[in-house]
Protein backbone atom coordinates (compact mmCIF):
# COMPACT_ATOMS: atom_id res chain seq x y z
CA UNK A 1 -7.49 -0.05 2.72
CA UNK A 2 -7.78 -0.68 -1.04
CA UNK A 3 -9.22 2.00 -3.00
CA UNK A 4 -13.14 2.04 -3.73
CA UNK A 5 -12.10 2.74 -7.69
CA UNK A 6 -8.91 1.80 -9.46
CA UNK A 7 -8.47 3.35 -13.01
CA UNK A 8 -5.56 2.12 -14.96
CA UNK A 9 -4.30 3.58 -18.08
CA UNK A 10 -7.72 4.25 -19.41
CA UNK A 11 -7.56 5.45 -23.30
CA UNK A 12 -10.54 6.33 -25.32
CA UNK A 13 -10.79 7.77 -28.99
CA UNK A 14 -13.84 8.71 -31.34
CA UNK A 15 -12.11 8.75 -34.56
CA UNK A 16 -9.01 10.78 -34.95
CA UNK A 17 -10.14 12.55 -31.62
CA UNK A 18 -8.35 10.89 -28.43
CA UNK A 19 -10.69 12.17 -25.54
CA UNK A 20 -8.61 10.12 -22.81
CA UNK A 21 -4.85 9.42 -23.01
CA UNK A 22 -3.33 6.55 -20.48
CA UNK A 23 -5.14 7.94 -17.39
CA UNK A 24 -4.62 6.35 -14.15
CA UNK A 25 -5.69 7.17 -10.76
CA UNK A 26 -7.68 5.52 -7.44
CA UNK A 27 -10.01 6.68 -5.58
CA UNK A 28 -9.75 6.35 -1.77
CA UNK A 29 -13.05 5.03 0.02
CA UNK A 30 -14.85 7.61 2.00
CA UNK A 31 -13.48 10.27 0.09
CA UNK A 32 -15.27 13.07 -2.22
CA UNK A 33 -13.42 12.87 -5.27
CA UNK A 34 -12.99 15.58 -7.77
CA UNK A 35 -12.26 14.94 -11.62
CA UNK A 36 -11.74 18.68 -12.70
CA UNK A 37 -10.85 20.07 -16.04
CA UNK A 38 -12.24 22.37 -18.72
CA UNK A 39 -14.70 21.74 -21.52
CA UNK A 40 -13.50 19.25 -23.53
CA UNK A 41 -10.96 17.89 -21.02
CA UNK A 42 -12.38 14.15 -20.75
CA UNK A 43 -13.97 14.20 -17.49
CA UNK A 44 -17.83 12.72 -18.87
CA UNK A 45 -16.30 9.86 -21.01
CA UNK A 46 -14.18 8.88 -18.18
CA UNK A 47 -17.43 8.64 -16.22
CA UNK A 48 -19.27 7.06 -18.90
CA UNK A 49 -16.42 4.29 -19.05
CA UNK A 50 -16.44 3.64 -15.46
CA UNK A 51 -20.24 3.34 -15.12
CA UNK A 52 -19.86 0.51 -18.31
CA UNK A 53 -21.66 3.46 -20.47
CA UNK A 54 -18.66 3.42 -22.59
CA UNK A 55 -16.23 1.18 -23.63
CA UNK A 56 -12.39 2.24 -23.37
CA UNK A 57 -9.99 1.43 -26.42
CA UNK A 58 -7.31 0.45 -23.80
CA UNK A 59 -6.81 0.31 -20.11
CA UNK A 60 -8.98 -1.29 -17.29
CA UNK A 61 -11.01 -0.30 -13.93
CA UNK A 62 -11.89 -1.91 -11.03
CA UNK A 63 -14.35 -1.38 -8.49
CA UNK A 64 -14.33 -2.46 -4.57
CA UNK A 65 -11.14 -4.53 -4.86
CA UNK A 66 -12.29 -6.33 -8.07
CA UNK A 67 -16.03 -6.93 -8.02
CA UNK A 68 -17.71 -7.97 -11.26
CA UNK A 69 -18.74 -4.99 -12.94
CA UNK A 70 -22.56 -6.34 -12.85
CA UNK A 71 -22.22 -6.55 -8.69
CA UNK A 72 -20.34 -3.31 -8.51
CA UNK A 73 -23.12 -1.18 -10.30
CA UNK A 74 -25.86 -2.51 -7.77
CA UNK A 75 -23.67 -0.47 -5.17
CA UNK A 76 -23.29 2.78 -7.27
CA UNK A 77 -25.69 5.58 -7.58
CA UNK A 78 -25.13 7.71 -10.49
CA UNK A 79 -26.40 10.95 -12.10
CA UNK A 80 -24.73 11.73 -15.59
CA UNK A 81 -27.61 13.70 -17.40
CA UNK A 82 -30.34 16.12 -16.66
CA UNK A 83 -33.11 13.51 -14.97
CA UNK A 84 -36.34 13.21 -16.98
CA UNK A 85 -39.16 13.62 -14.31
CA UNK A 86 -42.69 14.06 -15.03
CA UNK A 87 -43.62 17.85 -13.87
CA UNK A 88 -47.32 16.91 -12.77
CA UNK A 89 -46.23 14.22 -10.25
CA UNK A 90 -45.38 14.67 -7.00
CA UNK A 91 -41.54 14.13 -5.67
CA UNK A 92 -42.74 10.66 -4.09
CA UNK A 93 -44.57 9.21 -7.43
CA UNK A 94 -41.53 10.45 -9.40
CA UNK A 95 -39.20 8.34 -7.42
CA UNK A 96 -41.59 5.31 -7.42
CA UNK A 97 -41.06 5.41 -11.32
CA UNK A 98 -37.12 5.85 -10.59
CA UNK A 99 -37.39 2.81 -8.37
CA UNK A 100 -39.07 0.65 -10.78
CA UNK A 101 -36.97 1.35 -13.46
CA UNK A 102 -33.92 0.27 -11.41
CA UNK A 103 -35.93 -2.45 -10.25
CA UNK A 104 -35.06 -1.63 -6.49
CA UNK A 105 -35.43 1.11 -3.78
CA UNK A 106 -39.18 1.39 -3.87
CA UNK A 107 -39.13 1.07 0.02
CA UNK A 108 -36.28 3.55 0.07
CA UNK A 109 -38.46 6.63 -0.74
CA UNK A 110 -39.06 8.29 1.95
CA UNK A 111 -35.44 7.55 3.62
CA UNK A 112 -33.67 9.36 0.22
CA UNK A 113 -36.11 12.17 0.64
CA UNK A 114 -35.13 12.76 4.29
CA UNK A 115 -31.67 12.26 3.06
CA UNK A 116 -31.98 15.25 0.26
CA UNK A 117 -33.94 17.48 2.70
CA UNK A 118 -37.37 16.98 0.89
CA UNK A 119 -39.58 14.94 2.85
CA UNK A 120 -41.74 17.68 3.71
CA UNK A 121 -42.36 18.40 -0.10
CA UNK A 122 -42.90 14.45 -0.92
CA UNK A 123 -46.48 15.34 -2.12
CA UNK A 124 -45.59 18.72 -4.06
CA UNK A 125 -45.78 18.67 -7.80
CA UNK A 126 -42.05 18.47 -9.46
CA UNK A 127 -43.21 21.70 -11.34
CA UNK A 128 -43.28 23.81 -8.05
CA UNK A 129 -39.40 22.94 -7.20
CA UNK A 130 -36.68 25.17 -7.37
CA UNK A 131 -33.68 24.35 -9.79
CA UNK A 132 -31.96 23.20 -6.10
CA UNK A 133 -34.98 21.18 -5.28
CA UNK A 134 -34.90 19.46 -8.74
CA UNK A 135 -31.38 18.85 -8.40
CA UNK A 136 -32.03 17.44 -4.97
CA UNK A 137 -34.71 14.96 -5.78
CA UNK A 138 -32.16 13.64 -9.13
CA UNK A 139 -29.66 13.07 -6.32
CA UNK A 140 -32.42 11.44 -4.21
CA UNK A 141 -33.19 9.21 -7.20
CA UNK A 142 -29.58 8.28 -7.72
CA UNK A 143 -29.53 6.83 -3.90
CA UNK A 144 -32.29 4.51 -4.32
CA UNK A 145 -31.00 1.18 -3.04
CA UNK A 146 -28.57 2.71 -0.59
CA UNK A 147 -25.36 2.72 -2.93
CA UNK A 148 -21.84 2.76 -1.73
CA UNK A 149 -20.93 5.48 -4.29
CA UNK A 150 -22.43 8.23 -5.78
CA UNK A 151 -21.15 9.50 -9.17
CA UNK A 152 -21.89 13.13 -10.18
CA UNK A 153 -21.60 14.80 -13.56
CA UNK A 154 -21.48 18.65 -13.14
CA UNK A 155 -23.93 18.65 -10.34
CA UNK A 156 -24.56 22.39 -9.62
CA UNK A 157 -24.63 23.29 -13.28
CA UNK A 158 -27.23 25.90 -14.26
CA UNK A 159 -28.11 26.28 -10.94
CA UNK A 160 -28.18 29.59 -9.07
CA UNK A 161 -26.32 30.53 -5.97
CA UNK A 162 -28.71 29.72 -3.57
CA UNK A 163 -28.88 26.29 -5.48
CA UNK A 164 -25.24 25.89 -5.65
CA UNK A 165 -24.97 26.41 -1.74
CA UNK A 166 -27.90 23.58 -1.43
CA UNK A 167 -26.21 20.93 -3.72
CA UNK A 168 -22.85 21.42 -1.84
CA UNK A 169 -23.89 21.06 1.50
CA UNK A 170 -25.94 18.03 0.58
CA UNK A 171 -22.63 16.26 -0.87
CA UNK A 172 -20.99 17.36 2.24
CA UNK A 173 -23.62 15.76 4.40
CA UNK A 174 -23.64 12.59 2.08
CA UNK A 175 -19.97 12.13 2.47
CA UNK A 176 -20.36 12.33 6.43
CA UNK A 177 -22.89 9.86 6.19
CA UNK A 178 -20.25 7.14 4.91
CA UNK A 179 -20.79 7.84 0.98
CA UNK A 180 -17.73 7.79 -1.29
CA UNK A 181 -18.67 10.74 -4.05
CA UNK A 182 -17.07 11.07 -7.34
CA UNK A 183 -18.06 14.41 -9.27
CA UNK A 184 -16.89 15.63 -12.07
CA UNK A 185 -16.92 19.34 -12.41
CA UNK A 186 -15.20 22.45 -14.62
CA UNK A 187 -15.39 24.77 -11.40
CA UNK A 188 -12.28 25.00 -9.13
CA UNK A 189 -14.33 26.60 -6.79
CA UNK A 190 -16.63 23.41 -6.31
CA UNK A 191 -13.69 21.05 -5.97
CA UNK A 192 -11.85 23.67 -3.63
CA UNK A 193 -14.91 23.58 -1.32
CA UNK A 194 -16.36 20.38 -1.44
CA UNK A 195 -13.78 17.64 -2.44
CA UNK A 196 -11.03 15.67 -0.34
CA UNK A 197 -9.09 14.24 -3.50
CA UNK A 198 -8.98 15.72 -7.10
CA UNK A 199 -7.56 14.56 -10.39
CA UNK A 200 -6.98 17.47 -13.02
CA UNK A 201 -7.37 16.29 -16.60
CA UNK A 202 -6.68 18.60 -19.73
CA UNK A 203 -7.15 17.43 -23.55
CA UNK A 204 -7.50 13.87 -22.26
CA UNK A 205 -4.23 14.01 -19.98
CA UNK A 206 -4.20 13.37 -16.48
CA UNK A 207 -1.79 16.43 -15.22
CA UNK A 208 -2.09 15.90 -11.51
CA UNK A 209 -3.89 13.65 -8.83
CA UNK A 210 -3.81 13.65 -5.17
CA UNK A 211 -5.37 15.10 -1.98
CA UNK A 212 -6.74 18.62 -2.53
CA UNK A 213 -4.72 20.69 -0.26
CA UNK A 214 -1.53 19.12 -2.13
CA UNK A 215 -2.52 18.86 -5.77
CA UNK A 216 -3.84 22.82 -5.39
CA UNK A 217 -1.19 24.12 -3.26
CA UNK A 218 -0.93 27.82 -4.02
CA UNK A 219 2.35 28.74 -4.40
CA UNK A 220 3.48 32.27 -2.59
CA UNK A 221 5.70 34.37 -5.03
CA UNK A 222 8.61 37.05 -3.48
CA UNK A 223 8.52 40.32 -4.97
CA UNK A 224 11.72 42.18 -4.72
CA UNK A 225 13.71 45.47 -5.84
CA UNK A 226 16.64 47.44 -5.56
CA UNK A 227 18.58 50.30 -7.08
CA UNK A 228 20.92 47.95 -9.18
CA UNK A 229 18.33 45.50 -10.66
CA UNK A 230 20.82 43.87 -13.04
CA UNK A 231 23.29 43.26 -9.85
CA UNK A 232 19.82 42.15 -7.82
CA UNK A 233 19.22 39.52 -11.00
CA UNK A 234 22.81 37.98 -11.20
CA UNK A 235 22.90 37.77 -6.97
CA UNK A 236 19.34 36.04 -7.06
CA UNK A 237 20.20 33.72 -9.74
CA UNK A 238 23.14 32.17 -7.87
CA UNK A 239 20.95 31.98 -4.92
CA UNK A 240 20.03 28.19 -3.82
CA UNK A 241 16.21 27.45 -3.95
CA UNK A 242 15.18 30.19 -6.51
CA UNK A 243 13.36 28.14 -9.29
CA UNK A 244 12.49 31.17 -11.57
CA UNK A 245 12.97 34.93 -11.76
CA UNK A 246 10.08 37.12 -13.55
CA UNK A 247 10.75 40.51 -14.20
CA UNK A 248 7.70 42.92 -13.58
CA UNK A 249 7.26 46.56 -13.42
CA UNK A 250 10.72 47.20 -12.24
CA UNK A 251 10.61 44.30 -9.78
CA UNK A 252 11.32 41.04 -9.74
CA UNK A 253 8.81 37.77 -8.74
CA UNK A 254 10.39 35.12 -7.27
CA UNK A 255 9.13 31.92 -7.24
CA UNK A 256 10.77 29.60 -4.79
CA UNK A 257 11.63 25.87 -3.54
CA UNK A 258 9.68 25.19 0.03
CA UNK A 259 11.46 26.64 2.86
CA UNK A 260 12.79 29.82 1.00
CA UNK A 261 10.72 32.56 2.43
CA UNK A 262 11.19 36.47 2.17
CA UNK A 263 13.51 36.42 5.34
CA UNK A 264 16.41 34.06 3.76
CA UNK A 265 15.94 36.16 0.19
CA UNK A 266 16.62 39.43 2.37
CA UNK A 267 19.43 37.43 4.38
CA UNK A 268 20.98 36.64 1.07
CA UNK A 269 21.04 39.86 -0.59
CA UNK A 270 22.43 41.60 2.48
CA UNK A 271 25.13 38.94 2.57
CA UNK A 272 25.59 39.87 -0.90
CA UNK A 273 26.11 43.78 -0.03
CA UNK A 274 22.62 44.74 -1.52
CA UNK A 275 20.22 46.50 0.25
CA UNK A 276 16.68 45.76 -1.00
CA UNK A 277 14.45 48.52 -1.73
CA UNK A 278 11.14 46.66 -2.12
CA UNK A 279 10.37 43.22 -0.36
CA UNK A 280 6.70 42.05 -0.53
CA UNK A 281 4.90 38.55 -0.54
CA UNK A 282 2.32 38.26 -3.19
CA UNK A 283 -0.13 35.19 -2.53
CA UNK A 284 -0.74 33.34 -5.37
CA UNK A 285 -4.55 32.16 -6.20
CA UNK A 286 -5.68 28.64 -6.44
CA UNK A 287 -7.53 30.12 -9.66
CA UNK A 288 -3.82 31.13 -10.77
CA UNK A 289 -2.67 27.89 -10.45
CA UNK A 290 -5.34 26.06 -12.25
CA UNK A 291 -5.35 28.21 -15.16
CA UNK A 292 -1.54 27.76 -15.31
CA UNK A 293 -1.85 23.75 -15.40
CA UNK A 294 -5.04 24.00 -17.85
CA UNK A 295 -4.09 26.65 -20.14
């Protein structure tokens, strides 16, 4: 199955500042694809380019296997900025204005309100909505016209925990209904809980991309100690599969290749005449992995 979006070697500069540097990746159809990175990493610039709001200096992108950009845009709903709704108008009337601006989707209002869980509040004024409800209405406006793809820039920004939970659950629901969703976020937690795939950006560079459970795989560390720490260090340097040995408070932390576990480390030490006084598996958090990648 061809990707729903293919990005090839995209670069973008603002004067001397290079916002994107040769970024390439594919977005599979039916995925929730997270573009993850700290502020200033180029996420919003990349969204602007793929939505024809900005022009790239180099590179290209294609939607739906090569549709013209004008045709592709009809199948894409997007929310890049805080939406401008009229506070004194109802949700239903605000969507009427959104549909008029888009020149399609007027008959879709009840459908999208049902999709985002606001049909019972369709006659309520926008000013009476919680922050989470306001954001759900904004996503509803992006869904007018039944797009195949939904593009969201920091969809939970500024929301309280309840609002964040609402939006995350809505994204999961929309994806189950068949939408491909592309999200830009600086929040690892958001990507880990919602996305199926991720591309990690740092200062315009693509660091990693692929399925979330592969890209953000946390690596366990094995912590060891022995009475003769110098002999232990020399011994471990000769063990196959040990990627890194880090001293830490009278112990060594071992970063190992896949397949090397605590049992194999212990057996190797015993075979070399070393009895370990300390052996512990330290779980490495996803947050640590992300911080290592982006700092």
